[in-house]
């Protein structure tokens, strides 16, 4: 799996970390970020579909 590097504001990192660990929804930051990206892309796909912006091979 490729690695990437991103800069995010401290406040956003703290919010992310509140969902990571033994009491959180995710095992680690990477899992949380991957899930967030997947969810965001799903939302964008739904918006594109509503506005007929998806091609037939993407549906």
N, C-alpha and C. Protein backbone atom coordinates (compact mmCIF):
# COMPACT_ATOMS: atom_id res chain seq x y z
N UNK A 1 0.85 -1.18 0.00
CA UNK A 1 0.00 0.00 0.00
C UNK A 1 0.89 1.24 0.00
N UNK A 2 0.66 2.18 -0.92
CA UNK A 2 1.48 3.39 -0.95
C UNK A 2 1.26 4.25 0.30
N UNK A 3 2.29 4.97 0.67
CA UNK A 3 2.19 5.91 1.79
C UNK A 3 2.15 7.32 1.23
N UNK A 4 1.37 8.16 1.90
CA UNK A 4 1.30 9.57 1.54
C UNK A 4 1.51 10.40 2.80
N UNK A 5 1.76 11.65 2.61
CA UNK A 5 1.93 12.56 3.73
C UNK A 5 0.99 13.75 3.53
N UNK A 6 0.31 14.13 4.60
CA UNK A 6 -0.60 15.27 4.54
C UNK A 6 -0.40 16.14 5.77
N UNK A 7 -0.60 17.42 5.58
CA UNK A 7 -0.58 18.35 6.70
C UNK A 7 -2.02 18.71 7.03
N UNK A 8 -2.38 18.61 8.31
CA UNK A 8 -3.73 18.97 8.74
C UNK A 8 -3.63 19.84 9.99
N UNK A 9 -4.62 20.69 10.20
CA UNK A 9 -4.60 21.55 11.38
C UNK A 9 -4.64 20.71 12.67
N UNK A 10 -4.02 21.21 13.72
CA UNK A 10 -3.96 20.52 15.01
C UNK A 10 -5.35 20.16 15.52
N UNK A 11 -6.29 21.06 15.38
CA UNK A 11 -7.66 20.82 15.87
C UNK A 11 -8.29 19.61 15.17
N UNK A 12 -8.07 19.50 13.87
CA UNK A 12 -8.60 18.36 13.11
C UNK A 12 -7.92 17.06 13.54
N UNK A 13 -6.62 17.12 13.78
CA UNK A 13 -5.88 15.93 14.25
C UNK A 13 -6.40 15.48 15.62
N UNK A 14 -6.65 16.42 16.49
CA UNK A 14 -7.17 16.09 17.82
C UNK A 14 -8.56 15.45 17.72
N UNK A 15 -9.39 15.97 16.82
CA UNK A 15 -10.71 15.40 16.60
C UNK A 15 -10.58 13.98 16.05
N UNK A 16 -9.69 13.79 15.09
CA UNK A 16 -9.44 12.46 14.54
C UNK A 16 -8.99 11.50 15.64
N UNK A 17 -8.04 11.94 16.44
CA UNK A 17 -7.50 11.09 17.51
C UNK A 17 -8.55 10.70 18.54
N UNK A 18 -9.58 11.52 18.69
CA UNK A 18 -10.63 11.17 19.66
C UNK A 18 -11.43 9.94 19.21
N UNK A 19 -11.28 9.56 17.95
CA UNK A 19 -11.98 8.40 17.41
C UNK A 19 -11.06 7.19 17.23
N UNK A 20 -9.83 7.31 17.69
CA UNK A 20 -8.82 6.27 17.51
C UNK A 20 -8.40 5.71 18.86
N UNK A 21 -8.16 4.41 18.90
CA UNK A 21 -7.65 3.78 20.12
C UNK A 21 -8.64 2.83 20.75
N UNK A 22 -8.34 2.39 21.94
CA UNK A 22 -9.15 1.39 22.63
C UNK A 22 -10.61 1.82 22.80
N UNK A 23 -10.84 3.10 23.06
CA UNK A 23 -12.21 3.59 23.26
C UNK A 23 -12.81 4.17 21.99
N UNK A 24 -12.06 4.16 20.89
CA UNK A 24 -12.53 4.77 19.65
C UNK A 24 -13.06 3.76 18.66
N UNK A 25 -13.47 4.27 17.53
CA UNK A 25 -14.03 3.44 16.46
C UNK A 25 -12.96 2.81 15.60
N UNK A 26 -11.73 3.34 15.62
CA UNK A 26 -10.66 2.90 14.74
C UNK A 26 -9.43 2.47 15.54
N UNK A 27 -8.70 1.53 14.98
CA UNK A 27 -7.51 1.00 15.63
C UNK A 27 -6.37 2.01 15.60
N UNK A 28 -6.25 2.73 14.46
CA UNK A 28 -5.17 3.69 14.33
C UNK A 28 -5.59 4.82 13.38
N UNK A 29 -4.74 5.82 13.27
CA UNK A 29 -5.04 6.97 12.42
C UNK A 29 -5.23 6.56 10.96
N UNK A 30 -4.39 5.66 10.49
CA UNK A 30 -4.48 5.24 9.08
C UNK A 30 -5.85 4.64 8.77
N UNK A 31 -6.34 3.78 9.66
CA UNK A 31 -7.68 3.20 9.46
C UNK A 31 -8.75 4.28 9.43
N UNK A 32 -8.64 5.24 10.33
CA UNK A 32 -9.62 6.32 10.40
C UNK A 32 -9.59 7.18 9.14
N UNK A 33 -8.40 7.48 8.66
CA UNK A 33 -8.27 8.32 7.47
C UNK A 33 -8.77 7.58 6.23
N UNK A 34 -8.42 6.29 6.10
CA UNK A 34 -8.91 5.50 4.95
C UNK A 34 -10.44 5.45 4.95
N UNK A 35 -11.04 5.21 6.11
CA UNK A 35 -12.50 5.15 6.20
C UNK A 35 -13.12 6.50 5.84
N UNK A 36 -12.51 7.57 6.30
CA UNK A 36 -13.02 8.91 6.01
C UNK A 36 -12.93 9.22 4.51
N UNK A 37 -11.84 8.84 3.89
CA UNK A 37 -11.69 9.07 2.45
C UNK A 37 -12.73 8.26 1.68
N UNK A 38 -12.91 6.98 2.04
CA UNK A 38 -13.91 6.14 1.37
C UNK A 38 -15.31 6.77 1.49
N UNK A 39 -15.66 7.19 2.69
CA UNK A 39 -16.97 7.78 2.93
C UNK A 39 -17.15 9.05 2.12
N UNK A 40 -16.16 9.90 2.11
CA UNK A 40 -16.24 11.14 1.35
C UNK A 40 -16.37 10.87 -0.14
N UNK A 41 -15.63 9.91 -0.67
CA UNK A 41 -15.73 9.57 -2.09
C UNK A 41 -17.10 8.99 -2.42
N UNK A 42 -17.66 8.19 -1.52
CA UNK A 42 -19.02 7.67 -1.72
C UNK A 42 -20.03 8.81 -1.80
N UNK A 43 -19.90 9.78 -0.91
CA UNK A 43 -20.80 10.94 -0.91
C UNK A 43 -20.66 11.72 -2.21
N UNK A 44 -19.42 11.94 -2.66
CA UNK A 44 -19.22 12.66 -3.91
C UNK A 44 -19.80 11.90 -5.10
N UNK A 45 -19.66 10.57 -5.10
CA UNK A 45 -20.26 9.75 -6.16
C UNK A 45 -21.78 9.88 -6.16
N UNK A 46 -22.39 9.88 -4.98
CA UNK A 46 -23.85 10.03 -4.89
C UNK A 46 -24.29 11.38 -5.43
N UNK A 47 -23.55 12.43 -5.11
CA UNK A 47 -23.87 13.76 -5.62
C UNK A 47 -23.74 13.79 -7.14
N UNK A 48 -22.65 13.23 -7.66
CA UNK A 48 -22.45 13.18 -9.10
C UNK A 48 -23.57 12.40 -9.78
N UNK A 49 -23.98 11.31 -9.17
CA UNK A 49 -25.05 10.50 -9.76
C UNK A 49 -26.37 11.29 -9.81
N UNK A 50 -26.67 12.02 -8.75
CA UNK A 50 -27.90 12.83 -8.73
C UNK A 50 -27.90 13.90 -9.80
N UNK A 51 -26.70 14.35 -10.15
CA UNK A 51 -26.59 15.42 -11.15
C UNK A 51 -26.18 14.86 -12.52
N UNK A 52 -26.34 13.56 -12.70
CA UNK A 52 -26.03 12.90 -13.97
C UNK A 52 -24.62 13.19 -14.46
N UNK A 53 -23.67 13.19 -13.53
CA UNK A 53 -22.28 13.45 -13.92
C UNK A 53 -21.44 12.18 -14.00
N UNK A 54 -22.03 11.03 -13.72
CA UNK A 54 -21.29 9.77 -13.84
C UNK A 54 -21.48 9.21 -15.22
N UNK A 55 -20.41 8.61 -15.76
CA UNK A 55 -20.54 7.93 -17.05
C UNK A 55 -21.06 6.54 -16.81
N UNK A 56 -21.52 5.87 -17.86
CA UNK A 56 -22.11 4.54 -17.73
C UNK A 56 -21.15 3.53 -17.12
N UNK A 57 -19.84 3.63 -17.41
CA UNK A 57 -18.89 2.66 -16.87
C UNK A 57 -18.54 2.91 -15.41
N UNK A 58 -18.93 4.04 -14.82
CA UNK A 58 -18.65 4.34 -13.41
C UNK A 58 -19.82 3.96 -12.51
N UNK A 59 -20.99 3.75 -13.05
CA UNK A 59 -22.19 3.48 -12.23
C UNK A 59 -22.18 2.08 -11.69
